[in-house]
Amino acid sequence: MAQHAVQLGAFGVWTFQLDNFPAARAQETVAELEELGFGALWFGEATGREALTNASLLLAKSKRIVIATGIANIYGRDPVAMAAAQKTLAEAYPNRFLLGLGVSHVPLVEKLRGHRYDKPLATMRAYLDAMDKAPFQAAPPATRPLRVLAALGPKMLQLSAERADGAHPYNTTPKHTAEARELLGPGPYLCPEQAVVLEKDPAKARAVARKFLAIYLTLPNYTNNFLRLGFRETDFSNGGSDHLIDSVVAWGDLKAVLNRIHEHHSAGADHVCIQVLTEDPKTFPFREYRELASAIPRK
């Protein structure tokens, strides 16, 4: 894979649980993840902390780990504000901030934010155009700040290669990673998220996975992608078929989970964002991330 200015490493953490901590505790957690050897910390944006402010908090109390938005909602701020925030963080923390952008979903955009959800591809393209033209009359970053797009379908993946620095697919499979790498070409970042459950009991593991996937099975962005990957409408019923659950969420012992992550690397991923799932989705899974870190080679 190509060398990038922002060095993510092969393994990262994807989490939304840090929003449940006071800011100081969230900062301490990121510092620990950094010491464990994870290359990046990814977080989303829905009804919790505002993404760019949150990134600033986490960058301030860490030294090496990359902080990445997965994703910052483009409906959450206009392109001038997004570009200014990105450049501010890139200047203050060189090569440690990666801006992930996404179009989000109809309910989060229309019901929550009061905007009209428009055609994703055209909306994202216009947004990137406006970001690139945005004025910034402050101290600039030393190098061009980088961005990746939340991309599942082929057209958004192509846009990720043409107008961004890569893609951050979420809720996908190694098959999708291989297809994404082919569309992106060898240069751009490819950073898929992989949900994992460190539980060997099939019924317990799948119950955790179904609880996690429930909301995503109501969102067309994800179900349409599952259909493209060869799943059927029937796979979405009753909380998701075992086939769907097992394909999207890796579960089992440490070896089984790491094997799935390595499948993404073998399929062309530069960096895999590991999201640990447990029975209590609000509790940060320190034990599981420490166990994963113990098996990850450190440079």
C-alpha atoms as a PDB file:
ATOM      1  CA  MET A   1       0.000   0.000   0.000  1.00  0.00           C
ATOM      2  CA  ALA A   2       1.021   3.578  -0.500  1.00  0.00           C
ATOM      3  CA  GLN A   3       2.758   5.548   2.235  1.00  0.00           C
ATOM      4  CA  HIS A   4       0.598   8.269   3.741  1.00  0.00           C
ATOM      5  CA  ALA A   5       1.448  11.395   5.706  1.00  0.00           C
ATOM      6  CA  VAL A   6      -0.965  10.385   8.462  1.00  0.00           C
ATOM      7  CA  GLN A   7       0.311   7.051   9.795  1.00  0.00           C
ATOM      8  CA  LEU A   8      -2.650   5.076  11.092  1.00  0.00           C
ATOM      9  CA  GLY A   9      -0.974   1.752  11.666  1.00  0.00           C
ATOM     10  CA  ALA A  10      -2.716  -1.522  10.892  1.00  0.00           C
ATOM     11  CA  PHE A  11      -5.090  -1.511  13.884  1.00  0.00           C
ATOM     12  CA  GLY A  12      -7.338   1.146  15.348  1.00  0.00           C
ATOM     13  CA  VAL A  13     -10.257   1.507  17.739  1.00  0.00           C
ATOM     14  CA  TRP A  14     -13.777   2.532  16.713  1.00  0.00           C
ATOM     15  CA  THR A  15     -16.024   3.548  19.611  1.00  0.00           C
ATOM     16  CA  PHE A  16     -18.959   5.697  20.618  1.00  0.00           C
ATOM     17  CA  GLN A  17     -18.712   4.830  24.340  1.00  0.00           C
ATOM     18  CA  LEU A  18     -16.332   7.678  25.181  1.00  0.00           C
ATOM     19  CA  ASP A  19     -19.313  10.014  24.979  1.00  0.00           C
ATOM     20  CA  ASN A  20     -20.521   8.349  28.186  1.00  0.00           C
ATOM     21  CA  PHE A  21     -17.417   9.565  30.044  1.00  0.00           C
ATOM     22  CA  PRO A  22     -16.740  13.092  31.239  1.00  0.00           C
ATOM     23  CA  ALA A  23     -14.215  14.723  28.909  1.00  0.00           C
ATOM     24  CA  ALA A  24     -11.272  14.200  31.278  1.00  0.00           C
ATOM     25  CA  ARG A  25     -11.987  10.456  31.553  1.00  0.00           C
ATOM     26  CA  ALA A  26     -12.353  10.164  27.782  1.00  0.00           C
ATOM     27  CA  GLN A  27      -8.957  11.823  27.392  1.00  0.00           C
ATOM     28  CA  GLU A  28      -7.393   9.378  29.855  1.00  0.00           C
ATOM     29  CA  THR A  29      -8.877   6.468  27.917  1.00  0.00           C
ATOM     30  CA  VAL A  30      -7.422   7.636  24.629  1.00  0.00           C
ATOM     31  CA  ALA A  31      -4.013   8.007  26.274  1.00  0.00           C
ATOM     32  CA  GLU A  32      -4.265   4.384  27.440  1.00  0.00           C
ATOM     33  CA  LEU A  33      -5.265   3.162  23.977  1.00  0.00           C
ATOM     34  CA  GLU A  34      -2.256   5.002  22.617  1.00  0.00           C
ATOM     35  CA  GLU A  35       0.025   3.199  25.090  1.00  0.00           C
ATOM     36  CA  LEU A  36      -1.558  -0.124  24.150  1.00  0.00           C
ATOM     37  CA  GLY A  37      -0.340   0.416  20.607  1.00  0.00           C
ATOM     38  CA  PHE A  38      -3.474   1.243  18.645  1.00  0.00           C
ATOM     39  CA  GLY A  39      -2.692   3.611  15.782  1.00  0.00           C
ATOM     40  CA  ALA A  40      -5.949   5.543  15.627  1.00  0.00           C
ATOM     41  CA  LEU A  41      -9.130   6.287  17.541  1.00  0.00           C
ATOM     42  CA  TRP A  42     -12.307   6.659  15.480  1.00  0.00           C
ATOM     43  CA  PHE A  43     -15.667   7.922  16.734  1.00  0.00           C
ATOM     44  CA  GLY A  44     -18.988   8.849  15.195  1.00  0.00           C
ATOM     45  CA  GLU A  45     -21.329  11.810  15.417  1.00  0.00           C
ATOM     46  CA  ALA A  46     -25.050  11.501  16.077  1.00  0.00           C
ATOM     47  CA  THR A  47     -26.529  12.797  19.331  1.00  0.00           C
ATOM     48  CA  GLY A  48     -23.370  12.970  21.428  1.00  0.00           C
ATOM     49  CA  ARG A  49     -20.391  15.304  21.358  1.00  0.00           C
ATOM     50  CA  GLU A  50     -19.859  17.509  18.317  1.00  0.00           C
ATOM     51  CA  ALA A  51     -17.231  15.773  16.193  1.00  0.00           C
ATOM     52  CA  LEU A  52     -14.581  18.447  15.677  1.00  0.00           C
ATOM     53  CA  THR A  53     -14.738  19.722  19.255  1.00  0.00           C
ATOM     54  CA  ASN A  54     -14.450  16.131  20.442  1.00  0.00           C
ATOM     55  CA  ALA A  55     -11.409  15.558  18.223  1.00  0.00           C
ATOM     56  CA  SER A  56      -9.752  18.605  19.743  1.00  0.00           C
ATOM     57  CA  LEU A  57     -10.338  17.303  23.275  1.00  0.00           C
ATOM     58  CA  LEU A  58      -8.831  13.918  22.457  1.00  0.00           C
ATOM     59  CA  LEU A  59      -5.856  15.288  20.548  1.00  0.00           C
ATOM     60  CA  ALA A  60      -4.986  17.622  23.420  1.00  0.00           C
ATOM     61  CA  LYS A  61      -4.241  14.827  25.891  1.00  0.00           C
ATOM     62  CA  SER A  62      -2.533  12.306  23.615  1.00  0.00           C
ATOM     63  CA  LYS A  63       0.836  12.324  21.888  1.00  0.00           C
ATOM     64  CA  ARG A  64       0.972   9.954  18.917  1.00  0.00           C
ATOM     65  CA  ILE A  65      -2.373   8.324  18.243  1.00  0.00           C
ATOM     66  CA  VAL A  66      -4.340   9.624  15.252  1.00  0.00           C
ATOM     67  CA  ILE A  67      -7.816  10.945  16.016  1.00  0.00           C
ATOM     68  CA  ALA A  68     -10.273  10.311  13.199  1.00  0.00           C
ATOM     69  CA  THR A  69     -13.924  11.174  12.735  1.00  0.00           C
ATOM     70  CA  GLY A  70     -15.947   8.228  11.572  1.00  0.00           C
ATOM     71  CA  ILE A  71     -17.802  10.249  10.535  1.00  0.00           C
ATOM     72  CA  ALA A  72     -18.401  13.981  10.826  1.00  0.00           C
ATOM     73  CA  ASN A  73     -21.880  14.574   9.423  1.00  0.00           C
ATOM     74  CA  ILE A  74     -21.774  17.035   6.504  1.00  0.00           C
ATOM     75  CA  TYR A  75     -25.252  18.252   7.469  1.00  0.00           C
ATOM     76  CA  GLY A  76     -23.885  19.192  10.895  1.00  0.00           C
ATOM     77  CA  ARG A  77     -21.941  22.245   9.688  1.00  0.00           C
ATOM     78  CA  ASP A  78     -21.476  24.141   6.464  1.00  0.00           C
ATOM     79  CA  PRO A  79     -18.425  23.449   4.275  1.00  0.00           C
ATOM     80  CA  VAL A  80     -16.592  26.626   5.324  1.00  0.00           C
ATOM     81  CA  ALA A  81     -16.886  25.685   9.001  1.00  0.00           C
ATOM     82  CA  MET A  82     -15.824  22.088   8.297  1.00  0.00           C
ATOM     83  CA  ALA A  83     -12.784  23.179   6.299  1.00  0.00           C
ATOM     84  CA  ALA A  84     -11.777  25.719   8.938  1.00  0.00           C
ATOM     85  CA  ALA A  85     -12.042  23.181  11.745  1.00  0.00           C
ATOM     86  CA  GLN A  86     -10.070  20.602   9.777  1.00  0.00           C
ATOM     87  CA  LYS A  87      -7.260  23.057   9.010  1.00  0.00           C
ATOM     88  CA  THR A  88      -7.194  24.306  12.594  1.00  0.00           C
ATOM     89  CA  LEU A  89      -6.682  20.794  13.958  1.00  0.00           C
ATOM     90  CA  ALA A  90      -4.229  19.826  11.214  1.00  0.00           C
ATOM     91  CA  GLU A  91      -2.076  22.869  11.994  1.00  0.00           C
ATOM     92  CA  ALA A  92      -2.174  22.346  15.749  1.00  0.00           C
ATOM     93  CA  TYR A  93      -1.554  18.574  15.610  1.00  0.00           C
ATOM     94  CA  PRO A  94       0.462  17.788  12.457  1.00  0.00           C
ATOM     95  CA  ASN A  95      -0.371  14.428  10.864  1.00  0.00           C
ATOM     96  CA  ARG A  96      -2.556  13.383  13.812  1.00  0.00           C
ATOM     97  CA  PHE A  97      -6.057  14.307  12.653  1.00  0.00           C
ATOM     98  CA  LEU A  98      -7.960  12.541   9.891  1.00  0.00           C
ATOM     99  CA  LEU A  99     -11.305  13.989   8.843  1.00  0.00           C
ATOM    100  CA  GLY A 100     -13.882  11.370   7.924  1.00  0.00           C
ATOM    101  CA  LEU A 101     -16.941  12.835   6.220  1.00  0.00           C
ATOM    102  CA  GLY A 102     -20.312  11.244   5.570  1.00  0.00           C
ATOM    103  CA  VAL A 103     -23.832  11.993   4.381  1.00  0.00           C
ATOM    104  CA  SER A 104     -25.390  10.235   7.402  1.00  0.00           C
ATOM    105  CA  HIS A 105     -28.975   8.928   7.179  1.00  0.00           C
ATOM    106  CA  VAL A 106     -32.437  10.336   6.530  1.00  0.00           C
ATOM    107  CA  PRO A 107     -33.749  10.131  10.141  1.00  0.00           C
ATOM    108  CA  LEU A 108     -30.631  11.759  11.602  1.00  0.00           C
ATOM    109  CA  VAL A 109     -30.644  14.521   9.003  1.00  0.00           C
ATOM    110  CA  GLU A 110     -34.350  15.308   8.651  1.00  0.00           C
ATOM    111  CA  LYS A 111     -35.912  14.428  12.006  1.00  0.00           C
ATOM    112  CA  LEU A 112     -32.967  15.264  14.237  1.00  0.00           C
ATOM    113  CA  ARG A 113     -31.341  18.202  12.421  1.00  0.00           C
ATOM    114  CA  GLY A 114     -34.242  19.573  10.403  1.00  0.00           C
ATOM    115  CA  HIS A 115     -32.483  19.494   7.022  1.00  0.00           C
ATOM    116  CA  ARG A 116     -33.674  17.959   3.767  1.00  0.00           C
ATOM    117  CA  TYR A 117     -31.717  14.832   2.920  1.00  0.00           C
ATOM    118  CA  ASP A 118     -30.663  15.086  -0.704  1.00  0.00           C
ATOM    119  CA  LYS A 119     -29.034  12.691  -3.171  1.00  0.00           C
ATOM    120  CA  PRO A 120     -25.924  11.431  -1.350  1.00  0.00           C
ATOM    121  CA  LEU A 121     -23.401  11.460  -4.196  1.00  0.00           C
ATOM    122  CA  ALA A 122     -24.303  14.862  -5.629  1.00  0.00           C
ATOM    123  CA  THR A 123     -24.566  16.359  -2.143  1.00  0.00           C
ATOM    124  CA  MET A 124     -21.159  15.079  -1.120  1.00  0.00           C
ATOM    125  CA  ARG A 125     -19.538  16.224  -4.348  1.00  0.00           C
ATOM    126  CA  ALA A 126     -20.949  19.740  -3.954  1.00  0.00           C
ATOM    127  CA  TYR A 127     -19.883  19.824  -0.312  1.00  0.00           C
ATOM    128  CA  LEU A 128     -16.305  18.880  -1.221  1.00  0.00           C
ATOM    129  CA  ASP A 129     -16.286  21.557  -3.925  1.00  0.00           C
ATOM    130  CA  ALA A 130     -17.300  24.152  -1.352  1.00  0.00           C
ATOM    131  CA  MET A 131     -14.741  22.931   1.176  1.00  0.00           C
ATOM    132  CA  ASP A 132     -11.981  23.240  -1.399  1.00  0.00           C
ATOM    133  CA  LYS A 133     -12.997  26.828  -2.173  1.00  0.00           C
ATOM    134  CA  ALA A 134     -13.450  27.886   1.463  1.00  0.00           C
ATOM    135  CA  PRO A 135     -11.295  30.821   2.633  1.00  0.00           C
ATOM    136  CA  PHE A 136      -9.064  30.324   5.676  1.00  0.00           C
ATOM    137  CA  GLN A 137      -7.319  33.406   6.998  1.00  0.00           C
ATOM    138  CA  ALA A 138      -5.409  31.824   9.867  1.00  0.00           C
ATOM    139  CA  ALA A 139      -2.104  30.014  10.300  1.00  0.00           C
ATOM    140  CA  PRO A 140      -2.295  27.156   7.799  1.00  0.00           C
ATOM    141  CA  PRO A 141      -1.223  23.558   8.382  1.00  0.00           C
ATOM    142  CA  ALA A 142       2.252  22.671   7.132  1.00  0.00           C
ATOM    143  CA  THR A 143       0.857  20.030   4.774  1.00  0.00           C
ATOM    144  CA  ARG A 144      -2.476  19.539   3.053  1.00  0.00           C
ATOM    145  CA  PRO A 145      -4.978  18.097   5.545  1.00  0.00           C
ATOM    146  CA  LEU A 146      -6.406  14.753   4.540  1.00  0.00           C
ATOM    147  CA  ARG A 147      -9.966  13.444   4.415  1.00  0.00           C
ATOM    148  CA  VAL A 148     -11.742  10.151   3.834  1.00  0.00           C
ATOM    149  CA  LEU A 149     -15.368   9.481   2.999  1.00  0.00           C
ATOM    150  CA  ALA A 150     -17.879   7.094   4.484  1.00  0.00           C
ATOM    151  CA  ALA A 151     -18.374   4.976   1.383  1.00  0.00           C
ATOM    152  CA  LEU A 152     -20.257   1.751   0.737  1.00  0.00           C
ATOM    153  CA  GLY A 153     -21.508   1.815  -2.863  1.00  0.00           C
ATOM    154  CA  PRO A 154     -19.260   1.900  -5.918  1.00  0.00           C
ATOM    155  CA  LYS A 155     -19.985   5.521  -6.856  1.00  0.00           C
ATOM    156  CA  MET A 156     -19.166   6.889  -3.405  1.00  0.00           C
ATOM    157  CA  LEU A 157     -16.046   4.727  -3.320  1.00  0.00           C
ATOM    158  CA  GLN A 158     -14.981   6.195  -6.668  1.00  0.00           C
ATOM    159  CA  LEU A 159     -15.596   9.692  -5.311  1.00  0.00           C
ATOM    160  CA  SER A 160     -13.439   8.760  -2.296  1.00  0.00           C
ATOM    161  CA  ALA A 161     -10.558   8.099  -4.669  1.00  0.00           C
ATOM    162  CA  GLU A 162     -11.172  11.104  -6.920  1.00  0.00           C
ATOM    163  CA  ARG A 163     -11.960  13.837  -4.395  1.00  0.00           C
ATOM    164  CA  ALA A 164     -10.707  12.531  -1.058  1.00  0.00           C
ATOM    165  CA  ASP A 165      -7.805  10.479   0.277  1.00  0.00           C
ATOM    166  CA  GLY A 166      -9.656   7.241   0.730  1.00  0.00           C
ATOM    167  CA  ALA A 167     -12.648   5.551   2.283  1.00  0.00           C
ATOM    168  CA  HIS A 168     -13.973   4.502   5.676  1.00  0.00           C
ATOM    169  CA  PRO A 169     -16.583   1.757   5.128  1.00  0.00           C
ATOM    170  CA  TYR A 170     -18.693   0.710   8.116  1.00  0.00           C
ATOM    171  CA  ASN A 171     -20.598  -2.552   8.734  1.00  0.00           C
ATOM    172  CA  THR A 172     -18.994  -4.398   5.864  1.00  0.00           C
ATOM    173  CA  THR A 173     -17.155  -7.644   5.163  1.00  0.00           C
ATOM    174  CA  PRO A 174     -13.745  -8.644   3.781  1.00  0.00           C
ATOM    175  CA  LYS A 175     -15.486  -9.213   0.438  1.00  0.00           C
ATOM    176  CA  HIS A 176     -16.532  -5.556   0.430  1.00  0.00           C
ATOM    177  CA  THR A 177     -12.988  -4.559   1.368  1.00  0.00           C
ATOM    178  CA  ALA A 178     -11.603  -6.418  -1.655  1.00  0.00           C
ATOM    179  CA  GLU A 179     -14.150  -4.766  -3.957  1.00  0.00           C
ATOM    180  CA  ALA A 180     -13.450  -1.367  -2.418  1.00  0.00           C
ATOM    181  CA  ARG A 181      -9.697  -1.730  -2.910  1.00  0.00           C
ATOM    182  CA  GLU A 182     -10.221  -2.581  -6.561  1.00  0.00           C
ATOM    183  CA  LEU A 183     -12.336   0.547  -7.054  1.00  0.00           C
ATOM    184  CA  LEU A 184     -10.036   2.816  -5.051  1.00  0.00           C
ATOM    185  CA  GLY A 185      -6.811   1.640  -6.607  1.00  0.00           C
ATOM    186  CA  PRO A 186      -3.578   1.107  -4.663  1.00  0.00           C
ATOM    187  CA  GLY A 187      -3.040   4.630  -3.310  1.00  0.00           C
ATOM    188  CA  PRO A 188      -5.958   5.842  -1.169  1.00  0.00           C
ATOM    189  CA  TYR A 189      -6.575   4.884   2.425  1.00  0.00           C
ATOM    190  CA  LEU A 190      -8.982   2.003   2.971  1.00  0.00           C
ATOM    191  CA  CYS A 191     -10.052   1.870   6.615  1.00  0.00           C
ATOM    192  CA  PRO A 192     -12.978  -0.494   7.207  1.00  0.00           C
ATOM    193  CA  GLU A 193     -14.650  -0.780  10.594  1.00  0.00           C
ATOM    194  CA  GLN A 194     -14.987  -4.302  11.996  1.00  0.00           C
ATOM    195  CA  ALA A 195     -17.316  -5.073  14.892  1.00  0.00           C
ATOM    196  CA  VAL A 196     -16.178  -7.933  17.142  1.00  0.00           C
ATOM    197  CA  VAL A 197     -17.556  -9.894  20.086  1.00  0.00           C
ATOM    198  CA  LEU A 198     -15.016 -11.774  22.199  1.00  0.00           C
ATOM    199  CA  GLU A 199     -17.462 -14.518  23.146  1.00  0.00           C
ATOM    200  CA  LYS A 200     -17.236 -18.195  22.150  1.00  0.00           C
ATOM    201  CA  ASP A 201     -20.845 -19.106  22.893  1.00  0.00           C
ATOM    202  CA  PRO A 202     -22.757 -18.706  19.579  1.00  0.00           C
ATOM    203  CA  ALA A 203     -26.086 -17.743  21.147  1.00  0.00           C
ATOM    204  CA  LYS A 204     -24.549 -15.127  23.458  1.00  0.00           C
ATOM    205  CA  ALA A 205     -22.309 -13.680  20.744  1.00  0.00           C
ATOM    206  CA  ARG A 206     -25.120 -13.426  18.194  1.00  0.00           C
ATOM    207  CA  ALA A 207     -27.440 -11.828  20.749  1.00  0.00           C
ATOM    208  CA  VAL A 208     -24.900  -9.044  21.298  1.00  0.00           C
ATOM    209  CA  ALA A 209     -24.400  -8.684  17.554  1.00  0.00           C
ATOM    210  CA  ARG A 210     -28.126  -8.520  16.831  1.00  0.00           C
ATOM    211  CA  LYS A 211     -28.620  -5.821  19.435  1.00  0.00           C
ATOM    212  CA  PHE A 212     -25.871  -3.804  17.755  1.00  0.00           C
ATOM    213  CA  LEU A 213     -27.106  -4.327  14.180  1.00  0.00           C
ATOM    214  CA  ALA A 214     -30.788  -3.685  14.914  1.00  0.00           C
ATOM    215  CA  ILE A 215     -30.720   0.036  14.091  1.00  0.00           C
ATOM    216  CA  TYR A 216     -28.585  -0.475  10.981  1.00  0.00           C
ATOM    217  CA  LEU A 217     -31.043  -2.985   9.523  1.00  0.00           C
ATOM    218  CA  THR A 218     -33.585  -0.132   9.380  1.00  0.00           C
ATOM    219  CA  LEU A 219     -31.288   2.154   7.340  1.00  0.00           C
ATOM    220  CA  PRO A 220     -31.317   1.780   3.528  1.00  0.00           C
ATOM    221  CA  ASN A 221     -27.659   2.848   3.176  1.00  0.00           C
ATOM    222  CA  TYR A 222     -26.652  -0.362   4.932  1.00  0.00           C
ATOM    223  CA  THR A 223     -29.322  -2.773   3.736  1.00  0.00           C
ATOM    224  CA  ASN A 224     -28.713  -1.762   0.116  1.00  0.00           C
ATOM    225  CA  ASN A 225     -25.031  -2.491   0.584  1.00  0.00           C
ATOM    226  CA  PHE A 226     -25.791  -5.872   2.107  1.00  0.00           C
ATOM    227  CA  LEU A 227     -27.902  -6.676  -0.944  1.00  0.00           C
ATOM    228  CA  ARG A 228     -25.004  -5.686  -3.207  1.00  0.00           C
ATOM    229  CA  LEU A 229     -22.820  -8.093  -1.250  1.00  0.00           C
ATOM    230  CA  GLY A 230     -25.173 -10.973  -2.003  1.00  0.00           C
ATOM    231  CA  PHE A 231     -27.404 -11.066   1.057  1.00  0.00           C
ATOM    232  CA  ARG A 232     -31.184 -11.318   0.638  1.00  0.00           C
ATOM    233  CA  GLU A 233     -34.095  -9.371   2.076  1.00  0.00           C
ATOM    234  CA  THR A 234     -34.864 -12.388   4.248  1.00  0.00           C
ATOM    235  CA  ASP A 235     -31.484 -11.967   5.933  1.00  0.00           C
ATOM    236  CA  PHE A 236     -32.795  -8.748   7.519  1.00  0.00           C
ATOM    237  CA  SER A 237     -35.765 -10.365   9.277  1.00  0.00           C
ATOM    238  CA  ASN A 238     -35.969 -11.303  12.967  1.00  0.00           C
ATOM    239  CA  GLY A 239     -32.890  -9.334  13.926  1.00  0.00           C
ATOM    240  CA  GLY A 240     -30.791 -10.669  11.080  1.00  0.00           C
ATOM    241  CA  SER A 241     -30.030 -14.188   9.905  1.00  0.00           C
ATOM    242  CA  ASP A 242     -27.118 -16.102  11.395  1.00  0.00           C
ATOM    243  CA  HIS A 243     -25.419 -15.812   8.006  1.00  0.00           C
ATOM    244  CA  LEU A 244     -25.659 -12.021   8.027  1.00  0.00           C
ATOM    245  CA  ILE A 245     -24.694 -11.703  11.688  1.00  0.00           C
ATOM    246  CA  ASP A 246     -21.671 -13.969  11.324  1.00  0.00           C
ATOM    247  CA  SER A 247     -20.528 -12.197   8.168  1.00  0.00           C
ATOM    248  CA  VAL A 248     -20.711  -8.659   9.531  1.00  0.00           C
ATOM    249  CA  VAL A 249     -19.742  -9.193  13.186  1.00  0.00           C
ATOM    250  CA  ALA A 250     -16.702 -11.309  14.038  1.00  0.00           C
ATOM    251  CA  TRP A 251     -17.139 -13.369  17.197  1.00  0.00           C
ATOM    252  CA  GLY A 252     -15.366 -16.128  19.051  1.00  0.00           C
ATOM    253  CA  ASP A 253     -12.026 -16.335  20.793  1.00  0.00           C
ATOM    254  CA  LEU A 254      -9.131 -13.965  20.204  1.00  0.00           C
ATOM    255  CA  LYS A 255      -7.784 -16.046  17.315  1.00  0.00           C
ATOM    256  CA  ALA A 256     -11.127 -16.073  15.499  1.00  0.00           C
ATOM    257  CA  VAL A 257     -11.564 -12.321  15.833  1.00  0.00           C
ATOM    258  CA  LEU A 258      -8.016 -11.581  14.702  1.00  0.00           C
ATOM    259  CA  ASN A 259      -8.460 -13.896  11.727  1.00  0.00           C
ATOM    260  CA  ARG A 260     -11.365 -11.744  10.520  1.00  0.00           C
ATOM    261  CA  ILE A 261      -9.322  -8.575  10.933  1.00  0.00           C
ATOM    262  CA  HIS A 262      -6.468 -10.139   8.976  1.00  0.00           C
ATOM    263  CA  GLU A 263      -8.939 -11.063   6.224  1.00  0.00           C
ATOM    264  CA  HIS A 264      -9.580  -7.341   5.757  1.00  0.00           C
ATOM    265  CA  HIS A 265      -5.848  -6.661   5.595  1.00  0.00           C
ATOM    266  CA  SER A 266      -5.387  -9.446   3.063  1.00  0.00           C
ATOM    267  CA  ALA A 267      -8.259  -7.998   1.013  1.00  0.00           C
ATOM    268  CA  GLY A 268      -6.530  -4.619   0.787  1.00  0.00           C
ATOM    269  CA  ALA A 269      -7.277  -2.668   3.964  1.00  0.00           C
ATOM    270  CA  ASP A 270      -4.531  -0.346   5.169  1.00  0.00           C
ATOM    271  CA  HIS A 271      -6.066  -0.039   8.615  1.00  0.00           C
ATOM    272  CA  VAL A 272      -8.926  -1.838  10.386  1.00  0.00           C
ATOM    273  CA  CYS A 273     -10.978   0.051  12.992  1.00  0.00           C
ATOM    274  CA  ILE A 274     -11.978  -2.488  15.655  1.00  0.00           C
ATOM    275  CA  GLN A 275     -15.284  -1.904  17.432  1.00  0.00           C
ATOM    276  CA  VAL A 276     -15.659  -4.186  20.446  1.00  0.00           C
ATOM    277  CA  LEU A 277     -19.243  -5.098  21.316  1.00  0.00           C
ATOM    278  CA  THR A 278     -20.368  -6.357  24.714  1.00  0.00           C
ATOM    279  CA  GLU A 279     -23.664  -7.014  26.482  1.00  0.00           C
ATOM    280  CA  ASP A 280     -23.579  -3.484  27.912  1.00  0.00           C
ATOM    281  CA  PRO A 281     -23.143  -1.089  24.963  1.00  0.00           C
ATOM    282  CA  LYS A 282     -22.650   1.923  27.256  1.00  0.00           C
ATOM    283  CA  THR A 283     -19.621   0.502  29.064  1.00  0.00           C
ATOM    284  CA  PHE A 284     -16.208   0.935  27.508  1.00  0.00           C
ATOM    285  CA  PRO A 285     -14.676  -2.554  27.004  1.00  0.00           C
ATOM    286  CA  PHE A 286     -11.232  -1.974  28.518  1.00  0.00           C
ATOM    287  CA  ARG A 287     -10.561  -5.670  29.126  1.00  0.00           C
ATOM    288  CA  GLU A 288     -11.306  -6.659  25.540  1.00  0.00           C
ATOM    289  CA  TYR A 289      -9.183  -3.909  24.005  1.00  0.00           C
ATOM    290  CA  ARG A 290      -6.302  -4.841  26.300  1.00  0.00           C
ATOM    291  CA  GLU A 291      -6.659  -8.470  25.237  1.00  0.00           C
ATOM    292  CA  LEU A 292      -6.649  -7.475  21.570  1.00  0.00           C
ATOM    293  CA  ALA A 293      -3.648  -5.229  22.084  1.00  0.00           C
ATOM    294  CA  SER A 294      -1.691  -8.085  23.654  1.00  0.00           C
ATOM    295  CA  ALA A 295      -1.928  -9.995  20.379  1.00  0.00           C
ATOM    296  CA  ILE A 296      -1.167  -7.083  18.039  1.00  0.00           C
ATOM    297  CA  PRO A 297       2.434  -6.754  16.885  1.00  0.00           C
ATOM    298  CA  ARG A 298       3.984  -3.480  18.038  1.00  0.00           C
ATOM    299  CA  LYS A 299       6.536  -1.683  15.899  1.00  0.00           C
END
